[in-house]
Amino acid sequence: MPNKSMQIMFASALLVLYVLMYWTGDWVWGYFTRHPNDWILISGALAASLATVIALYKNDRVYMLANDVAGELKKVTWPTRKEVQAATIVVIITVVIAAIILGLVFDFIWSKLTDAIYG
């Protein structure tokens, strides 16, 4: 019996594949006609993406790869909420400091360069 993470992976693949096939079909069909038929696009994209995901699910190599990925994700130690908040604050402060330094340095260099060129 597949675990929940495997089912979520294949359901996500189905959703992403459906959206990509719908957009591609809309683009191709819209190239040849002015108003593509939405029902045909929706049903065609859904059927094609469902068939593709079912074929991938039944493929032993793909299934084992997805199972290995799900197994590895169970081994990951995810950061706590406090660790994520602390890291986010560090990143924001670092970006602001870097933007200020780079902005001042580039503004100073650019002003000196334009003064040298234009007199």
PDB file of N, CA and C in Angstrom:
ATOM      1  N   MET A   1       0.844  -1.185   0.000  1.00  0.00           N
ATOM      2  CA  MET A   1       0.000   0.000   0.000  1.00  0.00           C
ATOM      3  C   MET A   1       0.884   1.241   0.000  1.00  0.00           C
ATOM      4  N   PRO A   2       0.704   2.133  -0.965  1.00  0.00           N
ATOM      5  CA  PRO A   2       1.551   3.333  -1.008  1.00  0.00           C
ATOM      6  C   PRO A   2       1.226   4.271   0.148  1.00  0.00           C
ATOM      7  N   ASN A   3       2.259   4.965   0.580  1.00  0.00           N
ATOM      8  CA  ASN A   3       2.060   5.889   1.688  1.00  0.00           C
ATOM      9  C   ASN A   3       1.533   7.233   1.193  1.00  0.00           C
ATOM     10  N   LYS A   4       1.189   8.082   2.140  1.00  0.00           N
ATOM     11  CA  LYS A   4       0.562   9.353   1.807  1.00  0.00           C
ATOM     12  C   LYS A   4       1.479  10.259   0.989  1.00  0.00           C
ATOM     13  N   SER A   5       2.750  10.251   1.278  1.00  0.00           N
ATOM     14  CA  SER A   5       3.664  11.121   0.534  1.00  0.00           C
ATOM     15  C   SER A   5       3.768  10.702  -0.935  1.00  0.00           C
ATOM     16  N   MET A   6       3.679   9.390  -1.202  1.00  0.00           N
ATOM     17  CA  MET A   6       3.686   8.916  -2.590  1.00  0.00           C
ATOM     18  C   MET A   6       2.432   9.399  -3.319  1.00  0.00           C
ATOM     19  N   GLN A   7       1.308   9.303  -2.667  1.00  0.00           N
ATOM     20  CA  GLN A   7       0.060   9.738  -3.280  1.00  0.00           C
ATOM     21  C   GLN A   7       0.075  11.242  -3.534  1.00  0.00           C
ATOM     22  N   ILE A   8       0.635  12.001  -2.606  1.00  0.00           N
ATOM     23  CA  ILE A   8       0.729  13.452  -2.781  1.00  0.00           C
ATOM     24  C   ILE A   8       1.660  13.787  -3.944  1.00  0.00           C
ATOM     25  N   MET A   9       2.778  13.052  -4.087  1.00  0.00           N
ATOM     26  CA  MET A   9       3.696  13.299  -5.194  1.00  0.00           C
ATOM     27  C   MET A   9       3.025  13.075  -6.538  1.00  0.00           C
ATOM     28  N   PHE A  10       2.329  11.962  -6.679  1.00  0.00           N
ATOM     29  CA  PHE A  10       1.691  11.666  -7.958  1.00  0.00           C
ATOM     30  C   PHE A  10       0.498  12.585  -8.209  1.00  0.00           C
ATOM     31  N   ALA A  11      -0.239  12.976  -7.162  1.00  0.00           N
ATOM     32  CA  ALA A  11      -1.337  13.926  -7.341  1.00  0.00           C
ATOM     33  C   ALA A  11      -0.802  15.295  -7.749  1.00  0.00           C
ATOM     34  N   SER A  12       0.325  15.705  -7.178  1.00  0.00           N
ATOM     35  CA  SER A  12       0.949  16.974  -7.564  1.00  0.00           C
ATOM     36  C   SER A  12       1.429  16.920  -9.011  1.00  0.00           C
ATOM     37  N   ALA A  13       2.002  15.794  -9.393  1.00  0.00           N
ATOM     38  CA  ALA A  13       2.440  15.630 -10.778  1.00  0.00           C
ATOM     39  C   ALA A  13       1.250  15.710 -11.722  1.00  0.00           C
ATOM     40  N   LEU A  14       0.132  15.117 -11.327  1.00  0.00           N
ATOM     41  CA  LEU A  14      -1.081  15.171 -12.150  1.00  0.00           C
ATOM     42  C   LEU A  14      -1.544  16.608 -12.313  1.00  0.00           C
ATOM     43  N   LEU A  15      -1.563  17.364 -11.232  1.00  0.00           N
ATOM     44  CA  LEU A  15      -2.017  18.748 -11.286  1.00  0.00           C
ATOM     45  C   LEU A  15      -1.102  19.610 -12.155  1.00  0.00           C
ATOM     46  N   VAL A  16       0.203  19.478 -11.956  1.00  0.00           N
ATOM     47  CA  VAL A  16       1.162  20.277 -12.740  1.00  0.00           C
ATOM     48  C   VAL A  16       1.088  19.901 -14.213  1.00  0.00           C
ATOM     49  N   LEU A  17       1.005  18.616 -14.496  1.00  0.00           N
ATOM     50  CA  LEU A  17       0.933  18.153 -15.880  1.00  0.00           C
ATOM     51  C   LEU A  17      -0.355  18.613 -16.540  1.00  0.00           C
ATOM     52  N   TYR A  18      -1.462  18.591 -15.795  1.00  0.00           N
ATOM     53  CA  TYR A  18      -2.739  19.060 -16.343  1.00  0.00           C
ATOM     54  C   TYR A  18      -2.651  20.535 -16.727  1.00  0.00           C
ATOM     55  N   VAL A  19      -2.115  21.359 -15.828  1.00  0.00           N
ATOM     56  CA  VAL A  19      -2.022  22.795 -16.107  1.00  0.00           C
ATOM     57  C   VAL A  19      -1.121  23.048 -17.316  1.00  0.00           C
ATOM     58  N   LEU A  20       0.010  22.362 -17.372  1.00  0.00           N
ATOM     59  CA  LEU A  20       0.914  22.549 -18.520  1.00  0.00           C
ATOM     60  C   LEU A  20       0.279  22.111 -19.826  1.00  0.00           C
ATOM     61  N   MET A  21      -0.420  20.990 -19.801  1.00  0.00           N
ATOM     62  CA  MET A  21      -1.077  20.513 -21.033  1.00  0.00           C
ATOM     63  C   MET A  21      -2.225  21.431 -21.433  1.00  0.00           C
ATOM     64  N   TYR A  22      -2.961  21.959 -20.466  1.00  0.00           N
ATOM     65  CA  TYR A  22      -4.047  22.875 -20.789  1.00  0.00           C
ATOM     66  C   TYR A  22      -3.492  24.146 -21.432  1.00  0.00           C
ATOM     67  N   TRP A  23      -2.451  24.728 -20.808  1.00  0.00           N
ATOM     68  CA  TRP A  23      -1.862  25.947 -21.373  1.00  0.00           C
ATOM     69  C   TRP A  23      -1.286  25.697 -22.761  1.00  0.00           C
ATOM     70  N   THR A  24      -0.616  24.563 -22.930  1.00  0.00           N
ATOM     71  CA  THR A  24      -0.038  24.249 -24.237  1.00  0.00           C
ATOM     72  C   THR A  24      -1.134  24.055 -25.282  1.00  0.00           C
ATOM     73  N   GLY A  25      -2.176  23.317 -24.916  1.00  0.00           N
ATOM     74  CA  GLY A  25      -3.290  23.123 -25.840  1.00  0.00           C
ATOM     75  C   GLY A  25      -3.983  24.421 -26.178  1.00  0.00           C
ATOM     76  N   ASP A  26      -4.168  25.283 -25.199  1.00  0.00           N
ATOM     77  CA  ASP A  26      -4.796  26.579 -25.441  1.00  0.00           C
ATOM     78  C   ASP A  26      -3.935  27.428 -26.372  1.00  0.00           C
ATOM     79  N   TRP A  27      -2.631  27.381 -26.151  1.00  0.00           N
ATOM     80  CA  TRP A  27      -1.723  28.158 -26.997  1.00  0.00           C
ATOM     81  C   TRP A  27      -1.733  27.652 -28.436  1.00  0.00           C
ATOM     82  N   VAL A  28      -1.619  26.322 -28.593  1.00  0.00           N
ATOM     83  CA  VAL A  28      -1.570  25.748 -29.941  1.00  0.00           C
ATOM     84  C   VAL A  28      -2.902  25.950 -30.648  1.00  0.00           C
ATOM     85  N   TRP A  29      -4.008  25.639 -29.962  1.00  0.00           N
ATOM     86  CA  TRP A  29      -5.318  25.784 -30.579  1.00  0.00           C
ATOM     87  C   TRP A  29      -5.627  27.255 -30.856  1.00  0.00           C
ATOM     88  N   GLY A  30      -5.249  28.129 -29.953  1.00  0.00           N
ATOM     89  CA  GLY A  30      -5.465  29.558 -30.145  1.00  0.00           C
ATOM     90  C   GLY A  30      -4.653  30.128 -31.286  1.00  0.00           C
ATOM     91  N   TYR A  31      -3.600  29.449 -31.655  1.00  0.00           N
ATOM     92  CA  TYR A  31      -2.800  29.892 -32.798  1.00  0.00           C
ATOM     93  C   TYR A  31      -3.559  29.693 -34.105  1.00  0.00           C
ATOM     94  N   PHE A  32      -4.389  28.652 -34.172  1.00  0.00           N
ATOM     95  CA  PHE A  32      -5.111  28.324 -35.394  1.00  0.00           C
ATOM     96  C   PHE A  32      -6.532  28.883 -35.424  1.00  0.00           C
ATOM     97  N   THR A  33      -7.177  29.062 -34.292  1.00  0.00           N
ATOM     98  CA  THR A  33      -8.533  29.618 -34.257  1.00  0.00           C
ATOM     99  C   THR A  33      -8.587  30.757 -33.257  1.00  0.00           C
ATOM    100  N   ARG A  34      -9.668  31.509 -33.325  1.00  0.00           N
ATOM    101  CA  ARG A  34      -9.798  32.663 -32.445  1.00  0.00           C
ATOM    102  C   ARG A  34     -10.285  32.265 -31.052  1.00  0.00           C
ATOM    103  N   HIS A  35     -11.251  31.355 -30.966  1.00  0.00           N
ATOM    104  CA  HIS A  35     -11.826  30.946 -29.685  1.00  0.00           C
ATOM    105  C   HIS A  35     -11.758  29.426 -29.558  1.00  0.00           C
ATOM    106  N   PRO A  36     -10.739  28.908 -28.868  1.00  0.00           N
ATOM    107  CA  PRO A  36     -10.662  27.461 -28.691  1.00  0.00           C
ATOM    108  C   PRO A  36     -11.787  26.960 -27.781  1.00  0.00           C
ATOM    109  N   ASN A  37     -12.212  25.735 -28.005  1.00  0.00           N
ATOM    110  CA  ASN A  37     -13.282  25.127 -27.224  1.00  0.00           C
ATOM    111  C   ASN A  37     -12.718  24.692 -25.874  1.00  0.00           C
ATOM    112  N   ASP A  38     -13.237  25.315 -24.799  1.00  0.00           N
ATOM    113  CA  ASP A  38     -12.707  25.037 -23.462  1.00  0.00           C
ATOM    114  C   ASP A  38     -12.990  23.619 -23.003  1.00  0.00           C
ATOM    115  N   TRP A  39     -14.150  23.087 -23.331  1.00  0.00           N
ATOM    116  CA  TRP A  39     -14.474  21.728 -22.877  1.00  0.00           C
ATOM    117  C   TRP A  39     -13.543  20.690 -23.489  1.00  0.00           C
ATOM    118  N   ILE A  40     -13.213  20.873 -24.737  1.00  0.00           N
ATOM    119  CA  ILE A  40     -12.283  19.929 -25.383  1.00  0.00           C
ATOM    120  C   ILE A  40     -10.892  20.085 -24.787  1.00  0.00           C
ATOM    121  N   LEU A  41     -10.478  21.328 -24.550  1.00  0.00           N
ATOM    122  CA  LEU A  41      -9.166  21.552 -23.938  1.00  0.00           C
ATOM    123  C   LEU A  41      -9.090  20.944 -22.541  1.00  0.00           C
ATOM    124  N   ILE A  42     -10.117  21.182 -21.730  1.00  0.00           N
ATOM    125  CA  ILE A  42     -10.111  20.676 -20.357  1.00  0.00           C
ATOM    126  C   ILE A  42     -10.114  19.156 -20.341  1.00  0.00           C
ATOM    127  N   SER A  43     -11.018  18.548 -21.120  1.00  0.00           N
ATOM    128  CA  SER A  43     -11.105  17.083 -21.109  1.00  0.00           C
ATOM    129  C   SER A  43      -9.873  16.442 -21.738  1.00  0.00           C
ATOM    130  N   GLY A  44      -9.344  17.039 -22.791  1.00  0.00           N
ATOM    131  CA  GLY A  44      -8.138  16.491 -23.416  1.00  0.00           C
ATOM    132  C   GLY A  44      -6.927  16.574 -22.512  1.00  0.00           C
ATOM    133  N   ALA A  45      -6.754  17.723 -21.869  1.00  0.00           N
ATOM    134  CA  ALA A  45      -5.621  17.887 -20.950  1.00  0.00           C
ATOM    135  C   ALA A  45      -5.760  16.963 -19.749  1.00  0.00           C
ATOM    136  N   LEU A  46      -6.985  16.824 -19.224  1.00  0.00           N
ATOM    137  CA  LEU A  46      -7.202  15.939 -18.090  1.00  0.00           C
ATOM    138  C   LEU A  46      -6.958  14.484 -18.458  1.00  0.00           C
ATOM    139  N   ALA A  47      -7.460  14.062 -19.611  1.00  0.00           N
ATOM    140  CA  ALA A  47      -7.273  12.669 -20.038  1.00  0.00           C
ATOM    141  C   ALA A  47      -5.803  12.367 -20.297  1.00  0.00           C
ATOM    142  N   ALA A  48      -5.113  13.274 -20.974  1.00  0.00           N
ATOM    143  CA  ALA A  48      -3.702  13.047 -21.291  1.00  0.00           C
ATOM    144  C   ALA A  48      -2.841  13.034 -20.025  1.00  0.00           C
ATOM    145  N   SER A  49      -3.101  13.969 -19.116  1.00  0.00           N
ATOM    146  CA  SER A  49      -2.291  14.010 -17.901  1.00  0.00           C
ATOM    147  C   SER A  49      -2.614  12.827 -16.993  1.00  0.00           C
ATOM    148  N   LEU A  50      -3.880  12.423 -16.918  1.00  0.00           N
ATOM    149  CA  LEU A  50      -4.247  11.259 -16.117  1.00  0.00           C
ATOM    150  C   LEU A  50      -3.619   9.983 -16.681  1.00  0.00           C
ATOM    151  N   ALA A  51      -3.646   9.843 -17.997  1.00  0.00           N
ATOM    152  CA  ALA A  51      -3.032   8.667 -18.616  1.00  0.00           C
ATOM    153  C   ALA A  51      -1.524   8.647 -18.378  1.00  0.00           C
ATOM    154  N   THR A  52      -0.884   9.814 -18.453  1.00  0.00           N
ATOM    155  CA  THR A  52       0.560   9.889 -18.244  1.00  0.00           C
ATOM    156  C   THR A  52       0.929   9.540 -16.804  1.00  0.00           C
ATOM    157  N   VAL A  53       0.184  10.082 -15.846  1.00  0.00           N
ATOM    158  CA  VAL A  53       0.496   9.812 -14.441  1.00  0.00           C
ATOM    159  C   VAL A  53       0.216   8.352 -14.093  1.00  0.00           C
ATOM    160  N   ILE A  54      -0.834   7.780 -14.630  1.00  0.00           N
ATOM    161  CA  ILE A  54      -1.112   6.363 -14.376  1.00  0.00           C
ATOM    162  C   ILE A  54      -0.006   5.494 -14.970  1.00  0.00           C
ATOM    163  N   ALA A  55       0.455   5.837 -16.179  1.00  0.00           N
ATOM    164  CA  ALA A  55       1.548   5.077 -16.796  1.00  0.00           C
ATOM    165  C   ALA A  55       2.825   5.202 -15.972  1.00  0.00           C
ATOM    166  N   LEU A  56       3.098   6.396 -15.460  1.00  0.00           N
ATOM    167  CA  LEU A  56       4.285   6.574 -14.624  1.00  0.00           C
ATOM    168  C   LEU A  56       4.143   5.837 -13.294  1.00  0.00           C
ATOM    169  N   TYR A  57       2.933   5.809 -12.744  1.00  0.00           N
ATOM    170  CA  TYR A  57       2.692   5.122 -11.474  1.00  0.00           C
ATOM    171  C   TYR A  57       2.899   3.622 -11.630  1.00  0.00           C
ATOM    172  N   LYS A  58       2.549   3.082 -12.785  1.00  0.00           N
ATOM    173  CA  LYS A  58       2.691   1.639 -13.015  1.00  0.00           C
ATOM    174  C   LYS A  58       4.094   1.253 -13.474  1.00  0.00           C
ATOM    175  N   ASN A  59       4.914   2.230 -13.844  1.00  0.00           N
ATOM    176  CA  ASN A  59       6.282   1.975 -14.237  1.00  0.00           C
ATOM    177  C   ASN A  59       7.100   1.680 -12.977  1.00  0.00           C
ATOM    178  N   ASP A  60       7.737   0.522 -12.947  1.00  0.00           N
ATOM    179  CA  ASP A  60       8.466   0.098 -11.741  1.00  0.00           C
ATOM    180  C   ASP A  60       9.625   1.032 -11.392  1.00  0.00           C
ATOM    181  N   ARG A  61      10.362   1.489 -12.399  1.00  0.00           N
ATOM    182  CA  ARG A  61      11.507   2.356 -12.127  1.00  0.00           C
ATOM    183  C   ARG A  61      11.062   3.689 -11.534  1.00  0.00           C
ATOM    184  N   VAL A  62      10.013   4.275 -12.103  1.00  0.00           N
ATOM    185  CA  VAL A  62       9.520   5.560 -11.605  1.00  0.00           C
ATOM    186  C   VAL A  62       8.928   5.385 -10.214  1.00  0.00           C
ATOM    187  N   TYR A  63       8.184   4.307 -10.009  1.00  0.00           N
ATOM    188  CA  TYR A  63       7.566   4.057  -8.708  1.00  0.00           C
ATOM    189  C   TYR A  63       8.629   3.866  -7.629  1.00  0.00           C
ATOM    190  N   MET A  64       9.676   3.104  -7.937  1.00  0.00           N
ATOM    191  CA  MET A  64      10.741   2.892  -6.952  1.00  0.00           C
ATOM    192  C   MET A  64      11.508   4.185  -6.676  1.00  0.00           C
ATOM    193  N   LEU A  65      11.721   4.995  -7.716  1.00  0.00           N
ATOM    194  CA  LEU A  65      12.382   6.280  -7.521  1.00  0.00           C
ATOM    195  C   LEU A  65      11.543   7.180  -6.613  1.00  0.00           C
ATOM    196  N   ALA A  66      10.241   7.247  -6.860  1.00  0.00           N
ATOM    197  CA  ALA A  66       9.358   8.054  -6.009  1.00  0.00           C
ATOM    198  C   ALA A  66       9.321   7.505  -4.588  1.00  0.00           C
ATOM    199  N   ASN A  67       9.348   6.196  -4.455  1.00  0.00           N
ATOM    200  CA  ASN A  67       9.358   5.574  -3.130  1.00  0.00           C
ATOM    201  C   ASN A  67      10.665   5.901  -2.395  1.00  0.00           C
ATOM    202  N   ASP A  68      11.786   5.875  -3.104  1.00  0.00           N
ATOM    203  CA  ASP A  68      13.068   6.244  -2.497  1.00  0.00           C
ATOM    204  C   ASP A  68      13.080   7.707  -2.068  1.00  0.00           C
ATOM    205  N   VAL A  69      12.525   8.588  -2.897  1.00  0.00           N
ATOM    206  CA  VAL A  69      12.459  10.006  -2.554  1.00  0.00           C
ATOM    207  C   VAL A  69      11.609  10.197  -1.303  1.00  0.00           C
ATOM    208  N   ALA A  70      10.464   9.516  -1.236  1.00  0.00           N
ATOM    209  CA  ALA A  70       9.603   9.624  -0.054  1.00  0.00           C
ATOM    210  C   ALA A  70      10.322   9.099   1.185  1.00  0.00           C
ATOM    211  N   GLY A  71      11.084   8.020   1.036  1.00  0.00           N
ATOM    212  CA  GLY A  71      11.842   7.489   2.157  1.00  0.00           C
ATOM    213  C   GLY A  71      12.922   8.439   2.638  1.00  0.00           C
ATOM    214  N   GLU A  72      13.589   9.099   1.711  1.00  0.00           N
ATOM    215  CA  GLU A  72      14.621  10.064   2.086  1.00  0.00           C
ATOM    216  C   GLU A  72      14.014  11.294   2.756  1.00  0.00           C
ATOM    217  N   LEU A  73      12.830  11.700   2.302  1.00  0.00           N
ATOM    218  CA  LEU A  73      12.190  12.863   2.920  1.00  0.00           C
ATOM    219  C   LEU A  73      11.776  12.587   4.357  1.00  0.00           C
ATOM    220  N   LYS A  74      11.529  11.325   4.689  1.00  0.00           N
ATOM    221  CA  LYS A  74      11.190  10.989   6.071  1.00  0.00           C
ATOM    222  C   LYS A  74      12.398  11.129   6.988  1.00  0.00           C
ATOM    223  N   LYS A  75      13.601  11.035   6.430  1.00  0.00           N
ATOM    224  CA  LYS A  75      14.823  11.138   7.221  1.00  0.00           C
ATOM    225  C   LYS A  75      15.248  12.580   7.482  1.00  0.00           C
ATOM    226  N   VAL A  76      14.644  13.526   6.785  1.00  0.00           N
ATOM    227  CA  VAL A  76      15.039  14.930   6.902  1.00  0.00           C
ATOM    228  C   VAL A  76      14.600  15.467   8.252  1.00  0.00           C
ATOM    229  N   THR A  77      15.503  16.199   8.899  1.00  0.00           N
ATOM    230  CA  THR A  77      15.128  16.885  10.126  1.00  0.00           C
ATOM    231  C   THR A  77      14.799  18.331   9.760  1.00  0.00           C
ATOM    232  N   TRP A  78      13.559  18.670   9.901  1.00  0.00           N
ATOM    233  CA  TRP A  78      13.094  19.993   9.514  1.00  0.00           C
ATOM    234  C   TRP A  78      13.354  20.979  10.646  1.00  0.00           C
ATOM    235  N   PRO A  79      13.681  22.236  10.309  1.00  0.00           N
ATOM    236  CA  PRO A  79      13.946  23.226  11.361  1.00  0.00           C
ATOM    237  C   PRO A  79      12.660  23.576  12.117  1.00  0.00           C
ATOM    238  N   THR A  80      12.855  24.022  13.349  1.00  0.00           N
ATOM    239  CA  THR A  80      11.713  24.439  14.147  1.00  0.00           C
ATOM    240  C   THR A  80      11.262  25.831  13.709  1.00  0.00           C
ATOM    241  N   ARG A  81      10.119  26.244  14.215  1.00  0.00           N
ATOM    242  CA  ARG A  81       9.583  27.559  13.863  1.00  0.00           C
ATOM    243  C   ARG A  81      10.534  28.679  14.306  1.00  0.00           C
ATOM    244  N   LYS A  82      11.123  28.545  15.477  1.00  0.00           N
ATOM    245  CA  LYS A  82      12.058  29.568  15.977  1.00  0.00           C
ATOM    246  C   LYS A  82      13.302  29.651  15.091  1.00  0.00           C
ATOM    247  N   GLU A  83      13.817  28.507  14.662  1.00  0.00           N
ATOM    248  CA  GLU A  83      14.998  28.501  13.791  1.00  0.00           C
ATOM    249  C   GLU A  83      14.694  29.167  12.452  1.00  0.00           C
ATOM    250  N   VAL A  84      13.521  28.904  11.904  1.00  0.00           N
ATOM    251  CA  VAL A  84      13.144  29.524  10.633  1.00  0.00           C
ATOM    252  C   VAL A  84      12.995  31.029  10.788  1.00  0.00           C
ATOM    253  N   GLN A  85      12.365  31.468  11.881  1.00  0.00           N
ATOM    254  CA  GLN A  85      12.211  32.907  12.123  1.00  0.00           C
ATOM    255  C   GLN A  85      13.562  33.587  12.298  1.00  0.00           C
ATOM    256  N   ALA A  86      14.458  32.959  13.038  1.00  0.00           N
ATOM    257  CA  ALA A  86      15.793  33.550  13.253  1.00  0.00           C
ATOM    258  C   ALA A  86      16.565  33.629  11.942  1.00  0.00           C
ATOM    259  N   ALA A  87      16.506  32.573  11.147  1.00  0.00           N
ATOM    260  CA  ALA A  87      17.217  32.580   9.867  1.00  0.00           C
ATOM    261  C   ALA A  87      16.620  33.616   8.914  1.00  0.00           C
ATOM    262  N   THR A  88      15.307  33.774   8.937  1.00  0.00           N
ATOM    263  CA  THR A  88      14.658  34.771   8.083  1.00  0.00           C
ATOM    264  C   THR A  88      15.073  36.180   8.465  1.00  0.00           C
ATOM    265  N   ILE A  89      15.145  36.450   9.748  1.00  0.00           N
ATOM    266  CA  ILE A  89      15.570  37.773  10.208  1.00  0.00           C
ATOM    267  C   ILE A  89      17.016  38.045   9.805  1.00  0.00           C
ATOM    268  N   VAL A  90      17.877  37.043   9.933  1.00  0.00           N
ATOM    269  CA  VAL A  90      19.283  37.203   9.529  1.00  0.00           C
ATOM    270  C   VAL A  90      19.377  37.506   8.039  1.00  0.00           C
ATOM    271  N   VAL A  91      18.605  36.791   7.224  1.00  0.00           N
ATOM    272  CA  VAL A  91      18.639  37.019   5.772  1.00  0.00           C
ATOM    273  C   VAL A  91      18.143  38.413   5.430  1.00  0.00           C
ATOM    274  N   ILE A  92      17.047  38.847   6.039  1.00  0.00           N
ATOM    275  CA  ILE A  92      16.502  40.175   5.744  1.00  0.00           C
ATOM    276  C   ILE A  92      17.496  41.267   6.135  1.00  0.00           C
ATOM    277  N   ILE A  93      18.098  41.155   7.308  1.00  0.00           N
ATOM    278  CA  ILE A  93      19.075  42.158   7.756  1.00  0.00           C
ATOM    279  C   ILE A  93      20.290  42.167   6.830  1.00  0.00           C
ATOM    280  N   THR A  94      20.766  40.986   6.441  1.00  0.00           N
ATOM    281  CA  THR A  94      21.913  40.900   5.539  1.00  0.00           C
ATOM    282  C   THR A  94      21.609  41.529   4.189  1.00  0.00           C
ATOM    283  N   VAL A  95      20.430  41.291   3.664  1.00  0.00           N
ATOM    284  CA  VAL A  95      20.050  41.859   2.366  1.00  0.00           C
ATOM    285  C   VAL A  95      19.948  43.383   2.457  1.00  0.00           C
ATOM    286  N   VAL A  96      19.382  43.882   3.530  1.00  0.00           N
ATOM    287  CA  VAL A  96      19.260  45.335   3.692  1.00  0.00           C
ATOM    288  C   VAL A  96      20.641  45.975   3.797  1.00  0.00           C
ATOM    289  N   ILE A  97      21.518  45.389   4.591  1.00  0.00           N
ATOM    290  CA  ILE A  97      22.876  45.936   4.731  1.00  0.00           C
ATOM    291  C   ILE A  97      23.620  45.891   3.404  1.00  0.00           C
ATOM    292  N   ALA A  98      23.512  44.771   2.694  1.00  0.00           N
ATOM    293  CA  ALA A  98      24.186  44.660   1.395  1.00  0.00           C
ATOM    294  C   ALA A  98      23.618  45.654   0.395  1.00  0.00           C
ATOM    295  N   ALA A  99      22.310  45.868   0.420  1.00  0.00           N
ATOM    296  CA  ALA A  99      21.703  46.834  -0.497  1.00  0.00           C
ATOM    297  C   ALA A  99      22.165  48.251  -0.185  1.00  0.00           C
ATOM    298  N   ILE A 100      22.257  48.576   1.086  1.00  0.00           N
ATOM    299  CA  ILE A 100      22.723  49.920   1.464  1.00  0.00           C
ATOM    300  C   ILE A 100      24.168  50.119   1.040  1.00  0.00           C
ATOM    301  N   ILE A 101      25.022  49.149   1.347  1.00  0.00           N
ATOM    302  CA  ILE A 101      26.446  49.273   0.992  1.00  0.00           C
ATOM    303  C   ILE A 101      26.624  49.351  -0.517  1.00  0.00           C
ATOM    304  N   LEU A 102      25.991  48.420  -1.237  1.00  0.00           N
ATOM    305  CA  LEU A 102      26.141  48.432  -2.690  1.00  0.00           C
ATOM    306  C   LEU A 102      25.536  49.681  -3.307  1.00  0.00           C
ATOM    307  N   GLY A 103      24.396  50.115  -2.775  1.00  0.00           N
ATOM    308  CA  GLY A 103      23.769  51.324  -3.303  1.00  0.00           C
ATOM    309  C   GLY A 103      24.644  52.546  -3.110  1.00  0.00           C
ATOM    310  N   LEU A 104      25.230  52.681  -1.924  1.00  0.00           N
ATOM    311  CA  LEU A 104      26.097  53.827  -1.677  1.00  0.00           C
ATOM    312  C   LEU A 104      27.370  53.760  -2.508  1.00  0.00           C
ATOM    313  N   VAL A 105      27.978  52.588  -2.574  1.00  0.00           N
ATOM    314  CA  VAL A 105      29.223  52.440  -3.333  1.00  0.00           C
ATOM    315  C   VAL A 105      28.970  52.686  -4.810  1.00  0.00           C
ATOM    316  N   PHE A 106      27.923  52.056  -5.366  1.00  0.00           N
ATOM    317  CA  PHE A 106      27.649  52.239  -6.790  1.00  0.00           C
ATOM    318  C   PHE A 106      27.222  53.668  -7.094  1.00  0.00           C
ATOM    319  N   ASP A 107      26.488  54.296  -6.195  1.00  0.00           N
ATOM    320  CA  ASP A 107      26.091  55.686  -6.401  1.00  0.00           C
ATOM    321  C   ASP A 107      27.319  56.597  -6.376  1.00  0.00           C
ATOM    322  N   PHE A 108      28.224  56.350  -5.444  1.00  0.00           N
ATOM    323  CA  PHE A 108      29.447  57.154  -5.362  1.00  0.00           C
ATOM    324  C   PHE A 108      30.299  56.963  -6.617  1.00  0.00           C
ATOM    325  N   ILE A 109      30.511  55.705  -7.015  1.00  0.00           N
ATOM    326  CA  ILE A 109      31.331  55.433  -8.201  1.00  0.00           C
ATOM    327  C   ILE A 109      30.675  56.003  -9.448  1.00  0.00           C
ATOM    328  N   TRP A 110      29.370  55.834  -9.584  1.00  0.00           N
ATOM    329  CA  TRP A 110      28.667  56.321 -10.778  1.00  0.00           C
ATOM    330  C   TRP A 110      28.707  57.849 -10.850  1.00  0.00           C
ATOM    331  N   SER A 111      28.546  58.502  -9.700  1.00  0.00           N
ATOM    332  CA  SER A 111      28.595  59.969  -9.716  1.00  0.00           C
ATOM    333  C   SER A 111      29.996  60.462 -10.071  1.00  0.00           C
ATOM    334  N   LYS A 112      31.036  59.813  -9.561  1.00  0.00           N
ATOM    335  CA  LYS A 112      32.408  60.209  -9.905  1.00  0.00           C
ATOM    336  C   LYS A 112      32.698  59.942 -11.376  1.00  0.00           C
ATOM    337  N   LEU A 113      32.182  58.825 -11.892  1.00  0.00           N
ATOM    338  CA  LEU A 113      32.401  58.484 -13.294  1.00  0.00           C
ATOM    339  C   LEU A 113      31.691  59.467 -14.213  1.00  0.00           C
ATOM    340  N   THR A 114      30.456  59.806 -13.912  1.00  0.00           N
ATOM    341  CA  THR A 114      29.745  60.762 -14.767  1.00  0.00           C
ATOM    342  C   THR A 114      30.339  62.178 -14.639  1.00  0.00           C
ATOM    343  N   ASP A 115      30.825  62.531 -13.470  1.00  0.00           N
ATOM    344  CA  ASP A 115      31.496  63.831 -13.332  1.00  0.00           C
ATOM    345  C   ASP A 115      32.777  63.865 -14.150  1.00  0.00           C
ATOM    346  N   ALA A 116      33.504  62.751 -14.181  1.00  0.00           N
ATOM    347  CA  ALA A 116      34.741  62.696 -14.968  1.00  0.00           C
ATOM    348  C   ALA A 116      34.440  62.741 -16.455  1.00  0.00           C
ATOM    349  N   ILE A 117      33.354  62.107 -16.878  1.00  0.00           N
ATOM    350  CA  ILE A 117      33.038  62.091 -18.324  1.00  0.00           C
ATOM    351  C   ILE A 117      32.462  63.415 -18.769  1.00  0.00           C
ATOM    352  N   TYR A 118      31.484  63.934 -18.027  1.00  0.00           N
ATOM    353  CA  TYR A 118      30.780  65.145 -18.458  1.00  0.00           C
ATOM    354  C   TYR A 118      31.400  66.438 -17.921  1.00  0.00           C
ATOM    355  N   GLY A 119      32.363  66.308 -17.063  1.00  0.00           N
ATOM    356  CA  GLY A 119      33.077  67.488 -16.600  1.00  0.00           C
ATOM    357  C   GLY A 119      32.483  68.051 -15.407  1.00  0.00           C
TER     358      GLY A 119
END
